[in-house]
C-alpha atoms as a PDB file:
ATOM      1  CA  MET A   1      89.245 107.183 100.995  1.00  0.00           C
ATOM      2  CA  ASN A   2      87.230 107.982 104.299  1.00  0.00           C
ATOM      3  CA  THR A   3      87.611 111.592 105.791  1.00  0.00           C
ATOM      4  CA  MET A   4      91.211 110.973 106.413  1.00  0.00           C
ATOM      5  CA  SER A   5      93.420 112.009 103.550  1.00  0.00           C
ATOM      6  CA  MET A   6      96.867 110.713 102.568  1.00  0.00           C
ATOM      7  CA  THR A   7      98.670 110.670  99.391  1.00  0.00           C
ATOM      8  CA  ASP A   8      99.619 107.283  98.058  1.00  0.00           C
ATOM      9  CA  ILE A   9     102.979 107.292  99.287  1.00  0.00           C
ATOM     10  CA  GLU A  10     102.167 108.376 103.119  1.00  0.00           C
ATOM     11  CA  LEU A  11     100.029 105.740 102.915  1.00  0.00           C
ATOM     12  CA  GLY A  12     102.292 102.818 102.652  1.00  0.00           C
ATOM     13  CA  LYS A  13     104.323 104.293 104.939  1.00  0.00           C
ATOM     14  CA  ARG A  14     101.895 103.848 107.038  1.00  0.00           C
ATOM     15  CA  ALA A  15     100.832 100.130 106.077  1.00  0.00           C
ATOM     16  CA  ARG A  16     104.624  99.702 106.022  1.00  0.00           C
ATOM     17  CA  LYS A  17     105.185 100.618 110.075  1.00  0.00           C
ATOM     18  CA  LEU A  18     101.825  99.322 111.324  1.00  0.00           C
ATOM     19  CA  TYR A  19     102.978  95.628 109.500  1.00  0.00           C
ATOM     20  CA  GLU A  20     106.740  95.840 111.105  1.00  0.00           C
ATOM     21  CA  GLN A  21     105.271  96.755 114.379  1.00  0.00           C
ATOM     22  CA  LEU A  22     103.285  93.111 113.566  1.00  0.00           C
ATOM     23  CA  GLN A  23     105.445  91.383 111.868  1.00  0.00           C
ATOM     24  CA  ARG A  24     106.557  88.840 114.828  1.00  0.00           C
ATOM     25  CA  LYS A  25     103.117  88.111 116.075  1.00  0.00           C
ATOM     26  CA  VAL A  26     101.858  87.057 112.529  1.00  0.00           C
ATOM     27  CA  GLU A  27     105.314  85.475 110.558  1.00  0.00           C
ATOM     28  CA  THR A  28     104.632  82.162 111.827  1.00  0.00           C
ATOM     29  CA  PRO A  29     104.686  79.357 110.078  1.00  0.00           C
ATOM     30  CA  GLU A  30     101.019  78.702 109.292  1.00  0.00           C
ATOM     31  CA  ASN A  31     100.346  82.476 108.204  1.00  0.00           C
ATOM     32  CA  ILE A  32     103.513  82.277 105.476  1.00  0.00           C
ATOM     33  CA  GLY A  33     102.022  83.210 102.248  1.00  0.00           C
ATOM     34  CA  LYS A  34      98.834  84.292 103.243  1.00  0.00           C
ATOM     35  CA  LEU A  35      97.342  88.108 103.085  1.00  0.00           C
ATOM     36  CA  ILE A  36      97.185  90.379 105.810  1.00  0.00           C
ATOM     37  CA  VAL A  37      94.921  92.720 105.144  1.00  0.00           C
ATOM     38  CA  MET A  38      95.302  95.737 107.668  1.00  0.00           C
ATOM     39  CA  ASP A  39      92.834  98.935 108.215  1.00  0.00           C
ATOM     40  CA  VAL A  40      95.923 101.782 108.474  1.00  0.00           C
ATOM     41  CA  GLU A  41      93.756 104.213 110.552  1.00  0.00           C
ATOM     42  CA  SER A  42      92.641 102.024 113.359  1.00  0.00           C
ATOM     43  CA  GLY A  43      95.400  99.250 113.389  1.00  0.00           C
ATOM     44  CA  ASP A  44      93.264  96.081 113.119  1.00  0.00           C
ATOM     45  CA  TYR A  45      93.666  93.631 111.167  1.00  0.00           C
ATOM     46  CA  GLU A  46      92.488  90.274 109.179  1.00  0.00           C
ATOM     47  CA  ILE A  47      95.041  87.208 108.224  1.00  0.00           C
ATOM     48  CA  ASP A  48      93.442  85.005 105.304  1.00  0.00           C
ATOM     49  CA  GLU A  49      94.454  82.985 102.038  1.00  0.00           C
ATOM     50  CA  LEU A  50      91.526  85.545  99.988  1.00  0.00           C
ATOM     51  CA  GLY A  51      92.498  89.122 100.505  1.00  0.00           C
ATOM     52  CA  ILE A  52      88.918  89.793  99.805  1.00  0.00           C
ATOM     53  CA  GLU A  53      87.033  87.686 102.487  1.00  0.00           C
ATOM     54  CA  ALA A  54      89.806  89.611 105.138  1.00  0.00           C
ATOM     55  CA  SER A  55      88.681  92.640 103.241  1.00  0.00           C
ATOM     56  CA  GLN A  56      85.464  92.496 103.831  1.00  0.00           C
ATOM     57  CA  ARG A  57      85.498  91.425 107.557  1.00  0.00           C
ATOM     58  CA  LEU A  58      87.143  94.280 108.090  1.00  0.00           C
ATOM     59  CA  GLN A  59      84.663  96.551 106.393  1.00  0.00           C
ATOM     60  CA  LEU A  60      82.182  95.504 108.075  1.00  0.00           C
ATOM     61  CA  ARG A  61      84.109  96.381 111.794  1.00  0.00           C
ATOM     62  CA  HIS A  62      85.240  99.496 110.038  1.00  0.00           C
ATOM     63  CA  PRO A  63      82.652 100.649 107.376  1.00  0.00           C
ATOM     64  CA  GLY A  64      85.018 102.909 104.681  1.00  0.00           C
ATOM     65  CA  ALA A  65      88.168 102.026 106.163  1.00  0.00           C
ATOM     66  CA  THR A  66      91.377 102.826 104.041  1.00  0.00           C
ATOM     67  CA  LEU A  67      92.438  99.072 103.938  1.00  0.00           C
ATOM     68  CA  TYR A  68      96.320  98.229 102.396  1.00  0.00           C
ATOM     69  CA  ALA A  69      97.496  94.224 102.319  1.00  0.00           C
ATOM     70  CA  PHE A  70     100.614  92.584 102.173  1.00  0.00           C
ATOM     71  CA  ARG A  71     101.388  88.667 101.385  1.00  0.00           C
ATOM     72  CA  ILE A  72     103.229  87.703 104.994  1.00  0.00           C
ATOM     73  CA  GLY A  73     106.860  86.524 104.487  1.00  0.00           C
ATOM     74  CA  TYR A  74     107.051  87.744 100.441  1.00  0.00           C
ATOM     75  CA  LYS A  75     108.385  91.047  99.006  1.00  0.00           C
ATOM     76  CA  THR A  76     105.320  91.420  97.080  1.00  0.00           C
ATOM     77  CA  VAL A  77     101.575  90.431  97.238  1.00  0.00           C
ATOM     78  CA  GLU A  78     100.858  89.340  93.547  1.00  0.00           C
ATOM     79  CA  SER A  79     103.192  88.510  90.412  1.00  0.00           C
ATOM     80  CA  PHE A  80     102.382  89.046  87.197  1.00  0.00           C
ATOM     81  CA  GLY A  81     104.198  85.901  85.230  1.00  0.00           C
ATOM     82  CA  GLY A  82     107.177  85.532  87.755  1.00  0.00           C
ATOM     83  CA  VAL A  83     108.295  84.430  90.979  1.00  0.00           C
ATOM     84  CA  LEU A  84     107.091  86.079  94.701  1.00  0.00           C
ATOM     85  CA  GLU A  85     110.174  86.592  96.564  1.00  0.00           C
ATOM     86  CA  ARG A  86     110.674  85.529 100.276  1.00  0.00           C
ATOM     87  CA  MET A  87     111.651  88.170 102.281  1.00  0.00           C
ATOM     88  CA  ALA A  88     114.854  87.208 104.272  1.00  0.00           C
ATOM     89  CA  PRO A  89     113.939  85.547 107.600  1.00  0.00           C
END
């Protein structure tokens, strides 16, 4: 991490709060299923089909940033051997 030191729990809480602030803006029909990658320190974010591309764009603007990702409209980012579960609208 950068100079800011956070526990995993603090990081998750901060990311969830940031996502909740952005939720109405980003949960549009064209974004459902895409990844939102957020810089939890600045609040800046990118949305893309692939998290790596969104992460790279954020890292260019904020080198060393602490990033956190959510799949827009879903409870989890990835599923291993299962099905992604949608969040209630």
